[in-house]
Amino acid sequence: KYALDILEETGLTDCKPVDTPMDPNVKLMPNQGEPYHDPGRYWRLVGKLNYLTMTRPDISFPVSVVSQFLNSPCESHWLAVVRILRYIKRSPGKGLVYNDRGHTDIVGYSDADWAGDASDRRSTSGYCVFMGGNLVSWKSKKQSVVARSSTEAEYRAMAHTTCELLWLKFLIQELQFCKVGHMELVCDNQSALYLSSNPVFHERTKHIEVDCHFIREKILSGIIKTTSVCSKDQLADIFTKSLRGPRITYVCNIVVNRGRSGRYRGALERSDPTPQW
């Protein structure tokens, strides 16, 4: 209902749907083209889309991108917002369904797009966290500093995901909701995983020593277990970059169907065969 209300408000109820919320071939930049004639409309619509991301993780990345131009939106930025709406028009009833799967394991997928922002070369971190096989937390955010390597970008993303895993554990304990199962951090970058367990620092990584020690402390204490996954099965990929239609559909189905193919590790292997996305 909320998605349909946004489409009606903007006069796009009869627009032509698209299969991606953002064109992978388009790179948005500040001051790109003519200034948009109604900045207030841009602000209001982006705010509504931000609210919609609470139940639509598939639009988190494009909404985070268009949110970066609130100070001075241009026509190209407005067109990017319209594309998100055309994507929503394709399936306005999408959402998340939660089921009791008989366990409380917490699994977090962490990813980063190194130097993906063409304007300042900062990387984008993304994560999605599952509890009991259900998606409970996700985020797409540009990193605050420029990473000097893909390993550094991935490692900073791992640090953010680790904080989220620990916060969820402490929250559940505080609420006395249930006993938390094991916690798992999944990443597709072998160098970052190696760095998380190897105490040796070198010239290109010593400046991220604080993050390194933070994650390593949690791993050595047995609080968090790290797991490698191939790039094809990296579920956080959708939170770091604009993807093509088949890839978005593939990841969205896995995120909600909890790895029903049996290829995914940890809590996601305990899956429900019924599609819900």
C-alpha atoms as a PDB file:
ATOM      1  CA  LYS A   1       0.000   0.000   0.000  1.00  0.00           C
ATOM      2  CA  TYR A   2       2.771   2.474   0.884  1.00  0.00           C
ATOM      3  CA  ALA A   3       4.612   1.748  -2.382  1.00  0.00           C
ATOM      4  CA  LEU A   4       1.423   2.262  -4.390  1.00  0.00           C
ATOM      5  CA  ASP A   5       0.756   5.529  -2.558  1.00  0.00           C
ATOM      6  CA  ILE A   6       4.189   6.831  -3.605  1.00  0.00           C
ATOM      7  CA  LEU A   7       3.523   5.887  -7.229  1.00  0.00           C
ATOM      8  CA  GLU A   8       0.136   7.605  -7.138  1.00  0.00           C
ATOM      9  CA  GLU A   9       1.566  10.737  -5.541  1.00  0.00           C
ATOM     10  CA  THR A  10       4.178  11.081  -8.283  1.00  0.00           C
ATOM     11  CA  GLY A  11       1.778  10.223 -11.107  1.00  0.00           C
ATOM     12  CA  LEU A  12       3.661   7.069 -12.066  1.00  0.00           C
ATOM     13  CA  THR A  13       0.958   4.458 -11.514  1.00  0.00           C
ATOM     14  CA  ASP A  14       0.898   3.755 -15.260  1.00  0.00           C
ATOM     15  CA  CYS A  15       4.648   4.012 -15.881  1.00  0.00           C
ATOM     16  CA  LYS A  16       6.595   1.324 -17.714  1.00  0.00           C
ATOM     17  CA  PRO A  17       8.286  -1.023 -15.191  1.00  0.00           C
ATOM     18  CA  VAL A  18      12.014  -1.819 -15.314  1.00  0.00           C
ATOM     19  CA  ASP A  19      13.902  -4.799 -13.902  1.00  0.00           C
ATOM     20  CA  THR A  20      16.655  -2.815 -12.134  1.00  0.00           C
ATOM     21  CA  PRO A  21      16.328   0.083  -9.650  1.00  0.00           C
ATOM     22  CA  MET A  22      19.445   1.763 -11.062  1.00  0.00           C
ATOM     23  CA  ASP A  23      21.073   1.653 -14.483  1.00  0.00           C
ATOM     24  CA  PRO A  24      24.450  -0.136 -14.056  1.00  0.00           C
ATOM     25  CA  ASN A  25      25.876   1.969 -16.905  1.00  0.00           C
ATOM     26  CA  VAL A  26      25.049   5.327 -15.284  1.00  0.00           C
ATOM     27  CA  LYS A  27      27.386   6.981 -12.775  1.00  0.00           C
ATOM     28  CA  LEU A  28      25.781   9.823 -10.860  1.00  0.00           C
ATOM     29  CA  MET A  29      27.956  12.817  -9.978  1.00  0.00           C
ATOM     30  CA  PRO A  30      27.399  16.088  -8.080  1.00  0.00           C
ATOM     31  CA  ASN A  31      26.300  19.037 -10.255  1.00  0.00           C
ATOM     32  CA  GLN A  32      25.571  16.685 -13.138  1.00  0.00           C
ATOM     33  CA  GLY A  33      23.417  18.577 -15.623  1.00  0.00           C
ATOM     34  CA  GLU A  34      20.722  21.168 -15.002  1.00  0.00           C
ATOM     35  CA  PRO A  35      19.555  21.764 -11.407  1.00  0.00           C
ATOM     36  CA  TYR A  36      16.199  20.146 -10.669  1.00  0.00           C
ATOM     37  CA  HIS A  37      13.445  22.767 -10.646  1.00  0.00           C
ATOM     38  CA  ASP A  38      11.730  21.512  -7.453  1.00  0.00           C
ATOM     39  CA  PRO A  39      14.286  20.429  -4.805  1.00  0.00           C
ATOM     40  CA  GLY A  40      11.530  20.096  -2.183  1.00  0.00           C
ATOM     41  CA  ARG A  41       9.822  17.413  -4.233  1.00  0.00           C
ATOM     42  CA  TYR A  42      13.133  15.576  -4.559  1.00  0.00           C
ATOM     43  CA  TRP A  43      13.715  15.721  -0.794  1.00  0.00           C
ATOM     44  CA  ARG A  44      10.221  14.456   0.028  1.00  0.00           C
ATOM     45  CA  LEU A  45      10.368  11.561  -2.405  1.00  0.00           C
ATOM     46  CA  VAL A  46      13.838  10.421  -1.353  1.00  0.00           C
ATOM     47  CA  GLY A  47      12.655  10.550   2.258  1.00  0.00           C
ATOM     48  CA  LYS A  48       9.693   8.313   1.425  1.00  0.00           C
ATOM     49  CA  LEU A  49      11.956   5.878  -0.421  1.00  0.00           C
ATOM     50  CA  ASN A  50      14.294   5.783   2.576  1.00  0.00           C
ATOM     51  CA  TYR A  51      11.337   4.738   4.707  1.00  0.00           C
ATOM     52  CA  LEU A  52      10.389   2.069   2.157  1.00  0.00           C
ATOM     53  CA  THR A  53      13.857   0.486   2.407  1.00  0.00           C
ATOM     54  CA  MET A  54      12.802  -0.813   5.832  1.00  0.00           C
ATOM     55  CA  THR A  55      10.913  -3.568   4.006  1.00  0.00           C
ATOM     56  CA  ARG A  56      12.582  -3.403   0.581  1.00  0.00           C
ATOM     57  CA  PRO A  57      16.294  -4.248   0.941  1.00  0.00           C
ATOM     58  CA  ASP A  58      16.600  -4.472  -2.848  1.00  0.00           C
ATOM     59  CA  ILE A  59      16.391  -0.671  -3.188  1.00  0.00           C
ATOM     60  CA  SER A  60      18.767   0.175  -0.318  1.00  0.00           C
ATOM     61  CA  PHE A  61      21.788   0.876  -2.521  1.00  0.00           C
ATOM     62  CA  PRO A  62      20.113   3.092  -5.160  1.00  0.00           C
ATOM     63  CA  VAL A  63      18.286   5.050  -2.444  1.00  0.00           C
ATOM     64  CA  SER A  64      21.569   5.609  -0.595  1.00  0.00           C
ATOM     65  CA  VAL A  65      23.066   6.934  -3.847  1.00  0.00           C
ATOM     66  CA  VAL A  66      20.297   9.433  -4.625  1.00  0.00           C
ATOM     67  CA  SER A  67      20.381  10.535  -0.964  1.00  0.00           C
ATOM     68  CA  GLN A  68      23.883  11.894  -1.552  1.00  0.00           C
ATOM     69  CA  PHE A  69      22.541  14.713  -3.749  1.00  0.00           C
ATOM     70  CA  LEU A  70      19.957  16.257  -1.416  1.00  0.00           C
ATOM     71  CA  ASN A  71      21.893  19.525  -1.175  1.00  0.00           C
ATOM     72  CA  SER A  72      21.663  20.308  -4.881  1.00  0.00           C
ATOM     73  CA  PRO A  73      19.671  17.748  -6.897  1.00  0.00           C
ATOM     74  CA  CYS A  74      19.952  17.855 -10.669  1.00  0.00           C
ATOM     75  CA  GLU A  75      17.732  16.530 -13.443  1.00  0.00           C
ATOM     76  CA  SER A  76      19.905  13.413 -13.776  1.00  0.00           C
ATOM     77  CA  HIS A  77      19.429  12.669 -10.084  1.00  0.00           C
ATOM     78  CA  TRP A  78      15.672  13.078 -10.417  1.00  0.00           C
ATOM     79  CA  LEU A  79      15.658  10.624 -13.329  1.00  0.00           C
ATOM     80  CA  ALA A  80      17.485   8.132 -11.101  1.00  0.00           C
ATOM     81  CA  VAL A  81      14.730   8.520  -8.487  1.00  0.00           C
ATOM     82  CA  VAL A  82      12.078   7.968 -11.166  1.00  0.00           C
ATOM     83  CA  ARG A  83      13.848   4.774 -12.220  1.00  0.00           C
ATOM     84  CA  ILE A  84      13.633   3.461  -8.649  1.00  0.00           C
ATOM     85  CA  LEU A  85       9.882   4.104  -8.787  1.00  0.00           C
ATOM     86  CA  ARG A  86       9.596   2.293 -12.118  1.00  0.00           C
ATOM     87  CA  TYR A  87      11.376  -0.662 -10.522  1.00  0.00           C
ATOM     88  CA  ILE A  88       8.936  -0.583  -7.589  1.00  0.00           C
ATOM     89  CA  LYS A  89       6.044  -0.514 -10.089  1.00  0.00           C
ATOM     90  CA  ARG A  90       7.261  -3.884 -11.384  1.00  0.00           C
ATOM     91  CA  SER A  91       6.352  -5.564  -8.071  1.00  0.00           C
ATOM     92  CA  PRO A  92       4.917  -3.150  -5.487  1.00  0.00           C
ATOM     93  CA  GLY A  93       3.866  -6.019  -3.222  1.00  0.00           C
ATOM     94  CA  LYS A  94       7.384  -7.253  -2.518  1.00  0.00           C
ATOM     95  CA  GLY A  95       8.270  -7.640   1.134  1.00  0.00           C
ATOM     96  CA  LEU A  96       9.770  -9.832   3.822  1.00  0.00           C
ATOM     97  CA  VAL A  97       8.158 -12.876   5.438  1.00  0.00           C
ATOM     98  CA  TYR A  98       9.508 -14.303   8.693  1.00  0.00           C
ATOM     99  CA  ASN A  99       9.297 -17.934   9.766  1.00  0.00           C
ATOM    100  CA  ASP A 100      10.372 -19.918  12.815  1.00  0.00           C
ATOM    101  CA  ARG A 101      13.169 -22.203  11.627  1.00  0.00           C
ATOM    102  CA  GLY A 102      14.029 -23.680  14.987  1.00  0.00           C
ATOM    103  CA  HIS A 103      17.398 -21.994  15.555  1.00  0.00           C
ATOM    104  CA  THR A 104      18.836 -18.610  16.501  1.00  0.00           C
ATOM    105  CA  ASP A 105      22.151 -18.551  14.640  1.00  0.00           C
ATOM    106  CA  ILE A 106      23.245 -15.102  13.466  1.00  0.00           C
ATOM    107  CA  VAL A 107      24.938 -14.918  10.054  1.00  0.00           C
ATOM    108  CA  GLY A 108      26.228 -11.703   8.505  1.00  0.00           C
ATOM    109  CA  TYR A 109      27.286 -11.273   4.868  1.00  0.00           C
ATOM    110  CA  SER A 110      29.795  -8.461   4.337  1.00  0.00           C
ATOM    111  CA  ASP A 111      30.881  -6.882   1.045  1.00  0.00           C
ATOM    112  CA  ALA A 112      32.461  -3.721  -0.356  1.00  0.00           C
ATOM    113  CA  ASP A 113      32.740  -2.053  -3.752  1.00  0.00           C
ATOM    114  CA  TRP A 114      36.256  -0.641  -3.824  1.00  0.00           C
ATOM    115  CA  ALA A 115      36.540   2.977  -5.074  1.00  0.00           C
ATOM    116  CA  GLY A 116      33.106   2.687  -6.646  1.00  0.00           C
ATOM    117  CA  ASP A 117      32.211   6.373  -6.305  1.00  0.00           C
ATOM    118  CA  ALA A 118      33.631   8.157  -9.340  1.00  0.00           C
ATOM    119  CA  SER A 119      33.510  11.590  -7.681  1.00  0.00           C
ATOM    120  CA  ASP A 120      35.673  10.898  -4.605  1.00  0.00           C
ATOM    121  CA  ARG A 121      36.791   7.258  -5.054  1.00  0.00           C
ATOM    122  CA  ARG A 122      35.388   6.206  -1.724  1.00  0.00           C
ATOM    123  CA  SER A 123      34.168   2.639  -1.374  1.00  0.00           C
ATOM    124  CA  THR A 124      30.696   1.436  -0.465  1.00  0.00           C
ATOM    125  CA  SER A 125      30.149  -1.019   2.382  1.00  0.00           C
ATOM    126  CA  GLY A 126      27.162  -3.328   2.493  1.00  0.00           C
ATOM    127  CA  TYR A 127      25.939  -6.049   4.779  1.00  0.00           C
ATOM    128  CA  CYS A 128      22.907  -8.202   5.438  1.00  0.00           C
ATOM    129  CA  VAL A 129      22.372 -10.102   8.676  1.00  0.00           C
ATOM    130  CA  PHE A 130      20.182 -13.145   9.195  1.00  0.00           C
ATOM    131  CA  MET A 131      18.909 -14.436  12.511  1.00  0.00           C
ATOM    132  CA  GLY A 132      17.383 -17.879  12.510  1.00  0.00           C
ATOM    133  CA  GLY A 133      17.530 -17.819   8.718  1.00  0.00           C
ATOM    134  CA  ASN A 134      15.469 -14.613   8.497  1.00  0.00           C
ATOM    135  CA  LEU A 135      16.778 -11.292   7.222  1.00  0.00           C
ATOM    136  CA  VAL A 136      16.709  -8.869  10.171  1.00  0.00           C
ATOM    137  CA  SER A 137      19.248  -6.160   9.320  1.00  0.00           C
ATOM    138  CA  TRP A 138      20.893  -4.698   6.231  1.00  0.00           C
ATOM    139  CA  LYS A 139      22.743  -1.557   5.245  1.00  0.00           C
ATOM    140  CA  SER A 140      24.376   0.209   2.320  1.00  0.00           C
ATOM    141  CA  LYS A 141      26.704   3.083   3.165  1.00  0.00           C
ATOM    142  CA  LYS A 142      29.644   4.889   1.607  1.00  0.00           C
ATOM    143  CA  GLN A 143      32.816   4.554   3.657  1.00  0.00           C
ATOM    144  CA  SER A 144      34.056   7.679   5.426  1.00  0.00           C
ATOM    145  CA  VAL A 145      37.645   7.415   4.131  1.00  0.00           C
ATOM    146  CA  VAL A 146      39.326   6.408   0.872  1.00  0.00           C
ATOM    147  CA  ALA A 147      40.539   2.804   0.957  1.00  0.00           C
ATOM    148  CA  ARG A 148      43.957   2.206  -0.580  1.00  0.00           C
ATOM    149  CA  SER A 149      43.151  -1.351  -1.664  1.00  0.00           C
ATOM    150  CA  SER A 150      40.200  -3.688  -2.127  1.00  0.00           C
ATOM    151  CA  THR A 151      41.395  -5.625   0.920  1.00  0.00           C
ATOM    152  CA  GLU A 152      41.177  -2.504   3.065  1.00  0.00           C
ATOM    153  CA  ALA A 153      37.697  -1.696   1.746  1.00  0.00           C
ATOM    154  CA  GLU A 154      36.502  -5.232   2.445  1.00  0.00           C
ATOM    155  CA  TYR A 155      38.090  -5.212   5.879  1.00  0.00           C
ATOM    156  CA  ARG A 156      36.424  -1.971   6.879  1.00  0.00           C
ATOM    157  CA  ALA A 157      33.111  -3.464   5.739  1.00  0.00           C
ATOM    158  CA  MET A 158      33.818  -6.538   7.876  1.00  0.00           C
ATOM    159  CA  ALA A 159      34.400  -4.290  10.900  1.00  0.00           C
ATOM    160  CA  HIS A 160      31.018  -2.597  10.381  1.00  0.00           C
ATOM    161  CA  THR A 161      29.284  -5.967  10.010  1.00  0.00           C
ATOM    162  CA  THR A 162      30.983  -7.288  13.140  1.00  0.00           C
ATOM    163  CA  CYS A 163      29.630  -4.325  15.110  1.00  0.00           C
ATOM    164  CA  GLU A 164      26.129  -5.108  13.850  1.00  0.00           C
ATOM    165  CA  LEU A 165      26.432  -8.794  14.784  1.00  0.00           C
ATOM    166  CA  LEU A 166      27.550  -7.918  18.307  1.00  0.00           C
ATOM    167  CA  TRP A 167      24.819  -5.298  18.697  1.00  0.00           C
ATOM    168  CA  LEU A 168      22.142  -7.833  17.720  1.00  0.00           C
ATOM    169  CA  LYS A 169      23.538 -10.363  20.175  1.00  0.00           C
ATOM    170  CA  PHE A 170      23.570  -7.847  23.041  1.00  0.00           C
ATOM    171  CA  LEU A 171      20.066  -6.636  22.152  1.00  0.00           C
ATOM    172  CA  ILE A 172      18.654 -10.160  22.221  1.00  0.00           C
ATOM    173  CA  GLN A 173      20.382 -10.877  25.515  1.00  0.00           C
ATOM    174  CA  GLU A 174      19.090  -7.643  27.036  1.00  0.00           C
ATOM    175  CA  LEU A 175      15.537  -8.471  25.971  1.00  0.00           C
ATOM    176  CA  GLN A 176      15.993 -12.051  27.223  1.00  0.00           C
ATOM    177  CA  PHE A 177      14.333 -13.111  24.004  1.00  0.00           C
ATOM    178  CA  CYS A 178      16.244 -16.341  23.465  1.00  0.00           C
ATOM    179  CA  LYS A 179      19.694 -17.849  23.632  1.00  0.00           C
ATOM    180  CA  VAL A 180      21.778 -16.716  20.675  1.00  0.00           C
ATOM    181  CA  GLY A 181      23.345 -19.468  18.597  1.00  0.00           C
ATOM    182  CA  HIS A 182      26.710 -19.159  16.895  1.00  0.00           C
ATOM    183  CA  MET A 183      27.652 -15.989  15.011  1.00  0.00           C
ATOM    184  CA  GLU A 184      29.182 -16.193  11.550  1.00  0.00           C
ATOM    185  CA  LEU A 185      30.757 -13.513   9.345  1.00  0.00           C
ATOM    186  CA  VAL A 186      30.742 -14.341   5.620  1.00  0.00           C
ATOM    187  CA  CYS A 187      33.042 -12.607   3.114  1.00  0.00           C
ATOM    188  CA  ASP A 188      34.183 -13.284  -0.461  1.00  0.00           C
ATOM    189  CA  ASN A 189      37.596 -11.588  -0.192  1.00  0.00           C
ATOM    190  CA  GLN A 190      40.313 -14.082   0.735  1.00  0.00           C
ATOM    191  CA  SER A 191      42.870 -11.378   1.543  1.00  0.00           C
ATOM    192  CA  ALA A 192      40.536  -9.733   4.041  1.00  0.00           C
ATOM    193  CA  LEU A 193      39.747 -13.086   5.655  1.00  0.00           C
ATOM    194  CA  TYR A 194      43.460 -13.869   5.900  1.00  0.00           C
ATOM    195  CA  LEU A 195      44.135 -10.487   7.456  1.00  0.00           C
ATOM    196  CA  SER A 196      41.464 -11.129  10.088  1.00  0.00           C
ATOM    197  CA  SER A 197      43.372 -14.129  11.445  1.00  0.00           C
ATOM    198  CA  ASN A 198      46.983 -13.203  10.632  1.00  0.00           C
ATOM    199  CA  PRO A 199      48.674 -10.926  13.213  1.00  0.00           C
ATOM    200  CA  VAL A 200      51.318  -9.696  10.753  1.00  0.00           C
ATOM    201  CA  PHE A 201      50.897  -6.103   9.521  1.00  0.00           C
ATOM    202  CA  HIS A 202      52.632  -4.670   6.509  1.00  0.00           C
ATOM    203  CA  GLU A 203      52.972  -1.316   4.817  1.00  0.00           C
ATOM    204  CA  ARG A 204      49.601  -1.321   3.066  1.00  0.00           C
ATOM    205  CA  THR A 205      47.488  -2.380   6.056  1.00  0.00           C
ATOM    206  CA  LYS A 206      49.125  -1.010   9.183  1.00  0.00           C
ATOM    207  CA  HIS A 207      46.990   2.157   9.060  1.00  0.00           C
ATOM    208  CA  ILE A 208      43.847   0.048   9.655  1.00  0.00           C
ATOM    209  CA  GLU A 209      45.346  -1.657  12.681  1.00  0.00           C
ATOM    210  CA  VAL A 210      42.462  -0.710  15.002  1.00  0.00           C
ATOM    211  CA  ASP A 211      39.873  -2.424  12.807  1.00  0.00           C
ATOM    212  CA  CYS A 212      42.189  -5.411  12.442  1.00  0.00           C
ATOM    213  CA  HIS A 213      42.603  -5.846  16.180  1.00  0.00           C
ATOM    214  CA  PHE A 214      38.876  -5.384  16.810  1.00  0.00           C
ATOM    215  CA  ILE A 215      37.792  -8.144  14.421  1.00  0.00           C
ATOM    216  CA  ARG A 216      40.690 -10.440  15.300  1.00  0.00           C
ATOM    217  CA  GLU A 217      39.845 -10.187  18.999  1.00  0.00           C
ATOM    218  CA  LYS A 218      36.301 -11.424  18.336  1.00  0.00           C
ATOM    219  CA  ILE A 219      37.555 -14.266  16.130  1.00  0.00           C
ATOM    220  CA  LEU A 220      40.258 -15.496  18.521  1.00  0.00           C
ATOM    221  CA  SER A 221      37.835 -15.421  21.443  1.00  0.00           C
ATOM    222  CA  GLY A 222      35.445 -17.654  19.511  1.00  0.00           C
ATOM    223  CA  ILE A 223      32.642 -15.088  19.512  1.00  0.00           C
ATOM    224  CA  ILE A 224      32.562 -14.876  15.714  1.00  0.00           C
ATOM    225  CA  LYS A 225      33.498 -17.413  13.058  1.00  0.00           C
ATOM    226  CA  THR A 226      34.565 -16.281   9.585  1.00  0.00           C
ATOM    227  CA  THR A 227      33.530 -18.107   6.434  1.00  0.00           C
ATOM    228  CA  SER A 228      34.498 -17.708   2.790  1.00  0.00           C
ATOM    229  CA  VAL A 229      31.928 -17.617   0.017  1.00  0.00           C
ATOM    230  CA  CYS A 230      32.317 -17.321  -3.752  1.00  0.00           C
ATOM    231  CA  SER A 231      31.442 -13.973  -5.327  1.00  0.00           C
ATOM    232  CA  LYS A 232      28.416 -15.460  -7.086  1.00  0.00           C
ATOM    233  CA  ASP A 233      26.864 -16.352  -3.737  1.00  0.00           C
ATOM    234  CA  GLN A 234      27.772 -13.099  -1.957  1.00  0.00           C
ATOM    235  CA  LEU A 235      24.349 -11.944  -0.765  1.00  0.00           C
ATOM    236  CA  ALA A 236      25.583  -8.501   0.322  1.00  0.00           C
ATOM    237  CA  ASP A 237      26.507  -7.722  -3.298  1.00  0.00           C
ATOM    238  CA  ILE A 238      23.145  -6.038  -3.795  1.00  0.00           C
ATOM    239  CA  PHE A 239      24.010  -3.428  -1.136  1.00  0.00           C
ATOM    240  CA  THR A 240      27.275  -2.211  -2.693  1.00  0.00           C
ATOM    241  CA  LYS A 241      26.645  -1.602  -6.384  1.00  0.00           C
ATOM    242  CA  SER A 242      23.987  -1.431  -9.083  1.00  0.00           C
ATOM    243  CA  LEU A 243      23.415  -4.871 -10.574  1.00  0.00           C
ATOM    244  CA  ARG A 244      21.727  -6.156 -13.696  1.00  0.00           C
ATOM    245  CA  GLY A 245      18.245  -7.653 -13.653  1.00  0.00           C
ATOM    246  CA  PRO A 246      19.082 -11.388 -13.521  1.00  0.00           C
ATOM    247  CA  ARG A 247      21.615 -10.839 -10.738  1.00  0.00           C
ATOM    248  CA  ILE A 248      19.170  -8.766  -8.661  1.00  0.00           C
ATOM    249  CA  THR A 249      16.471 -11.425  -9.042  1.00  0.00           C
ATOM    250  CA  TYR A 250      18.928 -14.170  -8.106  1.00  0.00           C
ATOM    251  CA  VAL A 251      20.153 -12.429  -4.949  1.00  0.00           C
ATOM    252  CA  CYS A 252      16.670 -11.319  -3.861  1.00  0.00           C
ATOM    253  CA  ASN A 253      15.332 -14.852  -4.166  1.00  0.00           C
ATOM    254  CA  ILE A 254      18.222 -16.237  -2.126  1.00  0.00           C
ATOM    255  CA  VAL A 255      17.924 -13.539   0.534  1.00  0.00           C
ATOM    256  CA  VAL A 256      14.275 -14.334   1.152  1.00  0.00           C
ATOM    257  CA  ASN A 257      14.286 -18.049   0.358  1.00  0.00           C
ATOM    258  CA  ARG A 258      17.292 -18.562   2.669  1.00  0.00           C
ATOM    259  CA  GLY A 259      19.511 -20.578   0.359  1.00  0.00           C
ATOM    260  CA  ARG A 260      17.008 -23.274  -0.525  1.00  0.00           C
ATOM    261  CA  SER A 261      19.486 -24.795  -2.992  1.00  0.00           C
ATOM    262  CA  GLY A 262      21.566 -26.019  -0.047  1.00  0.00           C
ATOM    263  CA  ARG A 263      24.787 -24.333  -1.175  1.00  0.00           C
ATOM    264  CA  TYR A 264      24.888 -21.774   1.594  1.00  0.00           C
ATOM    265  CA  ARG A 265      26.623 -22.257   4.875  1.00  0.00           C
ATOM    266  CA  GLY A 266      25.629 -21.682   8.446  1.00  0.00           C
ATOM    267  CA  ALA A 267      22.106 -20.767   9.394  1.00  0.00           C
ATOM    268  CA  LEU A 268      21.042 -20.237   5.787  1.00  0.00           C
ATOM    269  CA  GLU A 269      21.299 -23.966   5.096  1.00  0.00           C
ATOM    270  CA  ARG A 270      18.198 -24.546   7.237  1.00  0.00           C
ATOM    271  CA  SER A 271      15.839 -23.273   4.587  1.00  0.00           C
ATOM    272  CA  ASP A 272      12.193 -23.156   3.667  1.00  0.00           C
ATOM    273  CA  PRO A 273      11.495 -24.344   0.087  1.00  0.00           C
ATOM    274  CA  THR A 274       8.555 -21.969  -0.367  1.00  0.00           C
ATOM    275  CA  PRO A 275       9.373 -18.821  -2.398  1.00  0.00           C
ATOM    276  CA  GLN A 276       8.233 -15.661  -0.637  1.00  0.00           C
ATOM    277  CA  TRP A 277       9.719 -12.789  -2.641  1.00  0.00           C
END
